[in-house]
N, C-alpha and C. Protein backbone atom coordinates (compact mmCIF):
# COMPACT_ATOMS: atom_id res chain seq x y z
N TYR A 1 -178.16 25.70 101.05
CA TYR A 1 -178.79 26.12 102.28
C TYR A 1 -179.99 27.03 102.06
N ILE A 2 -179.85 27.92 101.11
CA ILE A 2 -180.93 28.93 100.86
C ILE A 2 -182.17 28.18 100.37
N VAL A 3 -182.04 27.38 99.35
CA VAL A 3 -183.20 26.70 98.78
C VAL A 3 -183.78 25.66 99.78
N GLY A 4 -182.89 24.92 100.44
CA GLY A 4 -183.36 23.89 101.38
C GLY A 4 -184.14 24.54 102.56
N SER A 5 -183.64 25.66 103.05
CA SER A 5 -184.35 26.38 104.12
C SER A 5 -185.70 26.90 103.67
N ALA A 6 -185.74 27.39 102.43
CA ALA A 6 -187.01 27.89 101.90
C ALA A 6 -188.02 26.77 101.79
N LEU A 7 -187.60 25.60 101.28
CA LEU A 7 -188.51 24.49 101.10
C LEU A 7 -189.05 24.02 102.51
N GLU A 8 -188.20 24.05 103.50
CA GLU A 8 -188.66 23.64 104.84
C GLU A 8 -189.75 24.59 105.37
N ASN A 9 -189.82 25.78 104.82
CA ASN A 9 -190.77 26.78 105.29
C ASN A 9 -191.86 27.07 104.28
N GLU A 10 -192.07 26.13 103.40
CA GLU A 10 -193.15 26.11 102.42
C GLU A 10 -193.02 27.21 101.34
N PHE A 11 -191.80 27.52 100.95
CA PHE A 11 -191.52 28.40 99.82
C PHE A 11 -191.04 27.53 98.69
N LEU A 12 -191.60 27.73 97.52
CA LEU A 12 -191.14 26.98 96.35
C LEU A 12 -190.06 27.81 95.65
N HIS A 13 -189.00 27.15 95.24
CA HIS A 13 -187.93 27.82 94.50
C HIS A 13 -188.36 27.97 93.04
N ILE A 14 -188.45 29.24 92.60
CA ILE A 14 -188.93 29.52 91.20
C ILE A 14 -187.74 29.60 90.28
N GLU A 15 -186.77 30.47 90.64
CA GLU A 15 -185.58 30.56 89.79
C GLU A 15 -184.44 31.27 90.54
N THR A 16 -183.24 31.09 90.04
CA THR A 16 -182.09 31.79 90.56
C THR A 16 -181.44 32.49 89.38
N VAL A 17 -181.19 33.79 89.56
CA VAL A 17 -180.73 34.65 88.47
C VAL A 17 -179.45 35.34 88.93
N PRO A 18 -178.42 35.41 88.04
CA PRO A 18 -177.27 36.24 88.39
C PRO A 18 -177.73 37.66 88.61
N PHE A 19 -177.19 38.30 89.68
CA PHE A 19 -177.66 39.61 90.06
C PHE A 19 -177.70 40.61 88.91
N LEU A 20 -176.63 40.66 88.11
CA LEU A 20 -176.59 41.68 87.04
C LEU A 20 -177.53 41.40 85.91
N GLN A 21 -178.13 40.22 85.86
CA GLN A 21 -179.14 39.94 84.82
C GLN A 21 -180.57 40.18 85.34
N TRP A 22 -180.66 40.45 86.63
CA TRP A 22 -181.96 40.74 87.25
C TRP A 22 -182.41 42.13 86.80
N HIS A 23 -183.70 42.28 86.50
CA HIS A 23 -184.19 43.59 86.02
C HIS A 23 -184.12 44.71 86.96
N LEU A 24 -183.94 44.46 88.25
CA LEU A 24 -183.81 45.49 89.27
C LEU A 24 -182.38 45.71 89.75
N HIS A 25 -181.41 45.23 89.00
CA HIS A 25 -180.03 45.29 89.48
C HIS A 25 -179.48 46.72 89.67
N ARG A 26 -180.10 47.69 89.08
CA ARG A 26 -179.60 49.09 89.24
C ARG A 26 -180.10 49.75 90.51
N TYR A 27 -181.04 49.15 91.17
CA TYR A 27 -181.52 49.74 92.48
C TYR A 27 -180.43 49.55 93.53
N GLY A 28 -180.44 50.40 94.53
CA GLY A 28 -179.46 50.28 95.65
C GLY A 28 -179.65 49.00 96.37
N ARG A 29 -178.54 48.33 96.62
CA ARG A 29 -178.53 47.08 97.39
C ARG A 29 -178.46 47.37 98.86
N SER A 30 -178.96 46.46 99.66
CA SER A 30 -178.88 46.58 101.11
C SER A 30 -178.58 45.24 101.72
N TYR A 31 -178.28 45.26 102.99
CA TYR A 31 -177.98 43.99 103.67
C TYR A 31 -179.23 43.27 104.09
N GLY A 32 -180.34 44.01 104.35
CA GLY A 32 -181.59 43.34 104.73
C GLY A 32 -181.64 42.97 106.23
N ASP A 33 -180.77 43.59 107.01
CA ASP A 33 -180.79 43.38 108.43
C ASP A 33 -180.39 44.63 109.16
N LYS A 34 -180.03 44.54 110.46
CA LYS A 34 -179.75 45.73 111.24
C LYS A 34 -178.53 46.54 110.75
N ARG A 35 -177.66 45.97 109.90
CA ARG A 35 -176.54 46.73 109.38
C ARG A 35 -176.99 47.89 108.51
N ASP A 36 -178.18 47.82 107.93
CA ASP A 36 -178.70 48.90 107.09
C ASP A 36 -178.85 50.19 107.84
N VAL A 37 -178.99 50.13 109.16
CA VAL A 37 -179.13 51.37 109.98
C VAL A 37 -177.93 52.25 109.85
N TYR A 38 -176.72 51.66 109.82
CA TYR A 38 -175.50 52.44 109.81
C TYR A 38 -174.64 52.23 108.59
N LYS A 39 -175.03 51.38 107.70
CA LYS A 39 -174.17 51.06 106.55
C LYS A 39 -174.98 51.02 105.27
N ARG A 40 -175.61 52.14 104.94
CA ARG A 40 -176.44 52.21 103.74
C ARG A 40 -175.63 52.25 102.44
N PRO A 41 -176.12 51.56 101.42
CA PRO A 41 -175.41 51.66 100.14
C PRO A 41 -175.53 53.08 99.55
N ASP A 42 -174.49 53.47 98.83
CA ASP A 42 -174.58 54.79 98.16
C ASP A 42 -175.27 54.59 96.82
N ALA A 43 -175.59 55.68 96.20
CA ALA A 43 -176.36 55.63 94.95
C ALA A 43 -175.51 55.28 93.74
N LYS A 44 -174.16 55.48 93.82
CA LYS A 44 -173.32 55.21 92.63
C LYS A 44 -172.74 53.81 92.74
N ASN A 45 -173.23 52.93 91.92
CA ASN A 45 -172.69 51.58 91.77
C ASN A 45 -172.67 50.77 93.04
N ASN A 46 -173.48 51.11 94.03
CA ASN A 46 -173.58 50.33 95.25
C ASN A 46 -172.21 50.16 95.93
N GLN A 47 -171.37 51.16 95.87
CA GLN A 47 -169.99 51.04 96.34
C GLN A 47 -169.84 50.70 97.80
N SER A 48 -170.76 51.12 98.67
CA SER A 48 -170.61 50.83 100.07
C SER A 48 -171.10 49.45 100.48
N TYR A 49 -171.77 48.76 99.53
CA TYR A 49 -172.24 47.42 99.81
C TYR A 49 -171.04 46.48 99.51
N ASN A 50 -170.45 45.97 100.56
CA ASN A 50 -169.24 45.18 100.33
C ASN A 50 -169.41 43.69 100.69
N ALA A 51 -170.60 43.26 100.91
CA ALA A 51 -170.85 41.84 101.29
C ALA A 51 -170.46 40.92 100.13
N GLN A 52 -170.77 41.32 98.91
CA GLN A 52 -170.47 40.49 97.76
C GLN A 52 -170.54 41.37 96.51
N ALA A 53 -169.58 41.14 95.61
CA ALA A 53 -169.55 41.89 94.37
C ALA A 53 -170.79 41.57 93.52
N ALA A 54 -171.34 42.55 92.88
CA ALA A 54 -172.57 42.35 92.11
C ALA A 54 -172.39 41.31 91.00
N ASP A 55 -171.21 41.22 90.41
CA ASP A 55 -170.99 40.21 89.39
C ASP A 55 -170.90 38.78 89.87
N ARG A 56 -170.85 38.62 91.18
CA ARG A 56 -170.86 37.26 91.78
C ARG A 56 -172.07 36.97 92.65
N ASP A 57 -172.98 37.91 92.72
CA ASP A 57 -174.15 37.72 93.58
C ASP A 57 -175.27 37.11 92.79
N MET A 58 -176.22 36.45 93.47
CA MET A 58 -177.33 35.81 92.86
C MET A 58 -178.61 36.32 93.48
N VAL A 59 -179.72 36.28 92.72
CA VAL A 59 -181.05 36.61 93.23
C VAL A 59 -181.84 35.32 93.22
N TYR A 60 -182.38 34.97 94.38
CA TYR A 60 -183.20 33.78 94.52
C TYR A 60 -184.67 34.20 94.56
N CYS A 61 -185.49 33.56 93.76
CA CYS A 61 -186.90 33.92 93.71
C CYS A 61 -187.74 32.73 94.21
N PHE A 62 -188.67 33.06 95.13
CA PHE A 62 -189.44 32.01 95.78
C PHE A 62 -190.94 32.43 95.74
N CYS A 63 -191.82 31.41 95.90
CA CYS A 63 -193.25 31.64 95.98
C CYS A 63 -193.74 30.91 97.25
N PHE A 64 -194.43 31.62 98.11
CA PHE A 64 -194.97 31.03 99.34
C PHE A 64 -196.11 30.10 98.96
N ALA A 65 -196.03 28.86 99.38
CA ALA A 65 -197.09 27.88 99.05
C ALA A 65 -197.45 27.10 100.33
N PRO A 66 -198.22 27.73 101.20
CA PRO A 66 -198.55 27.06 102.46
C PRO A 66 -199.42 25.82 102.22
N SER A 67 -199.03 24.77 102.94
CA SER A 67 -199.76 23.50 102.80
C SER A 67 -200.95 23.42 103.74
N GLY A 68 -200.95 24.29 104.76
CA GLY A 68 -202.02 24.17 105.81
C GLY A 68 -201.61 23.20 106.93
N GLU A 69 -200.53 22.54 106.74
CA GLU A 69 -200.05 21.57 107.76
C GLU A 69 -199.13 22.29 108.74
N THR A 70 -199.02 21.78 109.93
CA THR A 70 -198.09 22.32 110.92
C THR A 70 -196.67 21.99 110.46
N LEU A 71 -195.80 22.95 110.47
CA LEU A 71 -194.41 22.72 110.04
C LEU A 71 -193.71 21.86 111.08
N GLY A 72 -192.85 21.00 110.59
CA GLY A 72 -192.01 20.19 111.50
C GLY A 72 -190.85 21.00 112.07
N LYS A 73 -190.10 20.36 112.89
CA LYS A 73 -188.94 21.02 113.53
C LYS A 73 -187.94 21.42 112.41
N GLN A 74 -187.42 22.63 112.50
CA GLN A 74 -186.49 23.12 111.52
C GLN A 74 -185.14 22.41 111.58
N GLN A 75 -184.56 22.10 110.45
CA GLN A 75 -183.25 21.47 110.37
C GLN A 75 -182.18 22.53 110.37
N VAL A 76 -181.53 22.75 111.49
CA VAL A 76 -180.54 23.77 111.62
C VAL A 76 -179.15 23.11 111.67
N ARG A 77 -178.29 23.51 110.77
CA ARG A 77 -176.91 22.99 110.79
C ARG A 77 -176.12 23.92 111.67
N LEU A 78 -175.56 23.39 112.75
CA LEU A 78 -174.79 24.22 113.66
C LEU A 78 -173.45 24.59 113.05
N PRO A 79 -172.97 25.79 113.38
CA PRO A 79 -171.64 26.22 112.90
C PRO A 79 -170.54 25.42 113.56
N PRO A 80 -169.31 25.48 113.05
CA PRO A 80 -168.20 24.79 113.67
C PRO A 80 -167.93 25.32 115.05
N THR A 81 -167.40 24.48 115.89
CA THR A 81 -167.03 24.87 117.24
C THR A 81 -165.82 25.81 117.22
N LEU A 82 -165.60 26.53 118.29
CA LEU A 82 -164.40 27.40 118.40
C LEU A 82 -163.16 26.55 118.29
N LYS A 83 -163.14 25.37 118.89
CA LYS A 83 -161.98 24.46 118.83
C LYS A 83 -161.70 24.10 117.35
N THR A 84 -162.75 23.77 116.61
CA THR A 84 -162.60 23.41 115.17
C THR A 84 -162.03 24.57 114.41
N LEU A 85 -162.54 25.76 114.63
CA LEU A 85 -162.04 26.97 113.94
C LEU A 85 -160.57 27.23 114.25
N LYS A 86 -160.20 27.07 115.52
CA LYS A 86 -158.83 27.34 115.94
C LYS A 86 -157.84 26.30 115.34
N SER A 87 -158.36 25.15 114.93
CA SER A 87 -157.47 24.12 114.39
C SER A 87 -157.41 24.18 112.84
N CYS A 88 -158.14 25.09 112.21
CA CYS A 88 -158.16 25.21 110.76
C CYS A 88 -156.74 25.62 110.23
N ILE A 89 -156.41 25.04 109.12
CA ILE A 89 -155.10 25.38 108.49
C ILE A 89 -155.26 25.81 107.01
N ASP A 90 -156.51 25.98 106.57
CA ASP A 90 -156.69 26.40 105.24
C ASP A 90 -157.60 27.60 105.11
N GLY A 91 -157.99 28.02 103.95
CA GLY A 91 -158.86 29.17 103.78
C GLY A 91 -158.22 30.41 104.38
N PRO A 92 -158.99 31.22 105.11
CA PRO A 92 -158.43 32.44 105.63
C PRO A 92 -157.41 32.23 106.74
N PHE A 93 -157.28 30.98 107.24
CA PHE A 93 -156.32 30.67 108.30
C PHE A 93 -154.99 30.23 107.74
N LYS A 94 -154.93 30.03 106.45
CA LYS A 94 -153.74 29.42 105.80
C LYS A 94 -152.41 30.03 106.22
N ASN A 95 -152.37 31.36 106.22
CA ASN A 95 -151.07 32.03 106.53
C ASN A 95 -151.08 32.71 107.90
N LEU A 96 -151.98 32.32 108.77
CA LEU A 96 -152.06 32.97 110.10
C LEU A 96 -151.47 32.05 111.15
N GLN A 97 -150.90 32.71 112.19
CA GLN A 97 -150.35 32.01 113.32
C GLN A 97 -150.61 32.74 114.58
N GLY A 98 -150.52 32.10 115.70
CA GLY A 98 -150.58 32.76 117.01
C GLY A 98 -151.88 33.53 117.25
N MET A 99 -151.69 34.74 117.74
CA MET A 99 -152.85 35.62 118.09
C MET A 99 -153.73 35.99 116.87
N ALA A 100 -153.09 36.18 115.70
CA ALA A 100 -153.83 36.53 114.50
C ALA A 100 -154.83 35.41 114.21
N LYS A 101 -154.35 34.18 114.22
CA LYS A 101 -155.21 33.05 113.97
C LYS A 101 -156.32 32.88 115.05
N GLU A 102 -155.94 33.07 116.30
CA GLU A 102 -156.90 32.95 117.40
C GLU A 102 -157.95 34.06 117.29
N ASN A 103 -157.53 35.29 116.95
CA ASN A 103 -158.48 36.40 116.82
C ASN A 103 -159.50 36.16 115.69
N LEU A 104 -159.02 35.62 114.55
CA LEU A 104 -159.92 35.35 113.46
C LEU A 104 -160.92 34.21 113.85
N ALA A 105 -160.41 33.20 114.49
CA ALA A 105 -161.28 32.11 114.95
C ALA A 105 -162.37 32.66 115.91
N ASN A 106 -161.98 33.52 116.82
CA ASN A 106 -162.92 34.08 117.76
C ASN A 106 -163.96 34.97 117.04
N GLN A 107 -163.49 35.77 116.07
CA GLN A 107 -164.41 36.64 115.35
C GLN A 107 -165.43 35.81 114.57
N LEU A 108 -164.93 34.77 113.85
CA LEU A 108 -165.85 33.94 113.08
C LEU A 108 -166.83 33.19 113.95
N PHE A 109 -166.33 32.66 115.11
CA PHE A 109 -167.21 31.93 116.02
C PHE A 109 -168.30 32.81 116.55
N LYS A 110 -167.92 34.05 116.92
CA LYS A 110 -168.91 35.03 117.44
C LYS A 110 -169.94 35.35 116.38
N ARG A 111 -169.46 35.54 115.16
CA ARG A 111 -170.38 35.87 114.03
C ARG A 111 -171.36 34.69 113.78
N PHE A 112 -170.80 33.47 113.71
CA PHE A 112 -171.64 32.30 113.46
C PHE A 112 -172.65 32.15 114.59
N ALA A 113 -172.22 32.27 115.85
CA ALA A 113 -173.15 32.12 116.98
C ALA A 113 -174.22 33.14 116.90
N THR A 114 -173.91 34.38 116.55
CA THR A 114 -174.88 35.43 116.44
C THR A 114 -175.91 35.13 115.35
N GLU A 115 -175.40 34.73 114.16
CA GLU A 115 -176.26 34.45 113.04
C GLU A 115 -177.22 33.26 113.32
N ILE A 116 -176.70 32.22 113.94
CA ILE A 116 -177.57 31.06 114.17
C ILE A 116 -178.64 31.35 115.24
N SER A 117 -178.35 32.34 116.08
CA SER A 117 -179.33 32.76 117.07
C SER A 117 -180.45 33.60 116.52
N GLY A 118 -180.23 34.19 115.32
CA GLY A 118 -181.23 35.05 114.69
C GLY A 118 -181.12 36.50 115.14
N THR A 119 -180.21 36.84 116.04
CA THR A 119 -180.12 38.19 116.54
C THR A 119 -179.47 39.17 115.53
N HIS A 120 -178.87 38.65 114.44
CA HIS A 120 -178.28 39.54 113.45
C HIS A 120 -179.33 40.20 112.57
N VAL A 121 -180.54 39.74 112.65
CA VAL A 121 -181.61 40.29 111.82
C VAL A 121 -182.52 41.24 112.61
N GLY A 122 -182.91 42.32 111.97
CA GLY A 122 -183.83 43.22 112.62
C GLY A 122 -183.18 44.17 113.49
């Protein structure tokens, strides 16, 4: 998704590097969106950044290469419906039942809907 979206917006994928091999890996990590306002990483080992462990994170490098052409309609893959999420029986839903399962489905659906709308950024 990351590389495909970049290509649709005229960015060339240069390389992907494991985060800990990146020369700036010691700098404080951030979310890059509105969560940074209230959830800043601390200076020691990025302990408050909990989105992904540094040893499993990747850095994607791109170069903007505008063609001068008008971009076509963006290919957006819609998230699963609430009905689909409520019917899941694997992953985080594997051991959940009743209200716990419904609450997780509602939380994920709300998150997906927010992210696809673009309101999670900025």
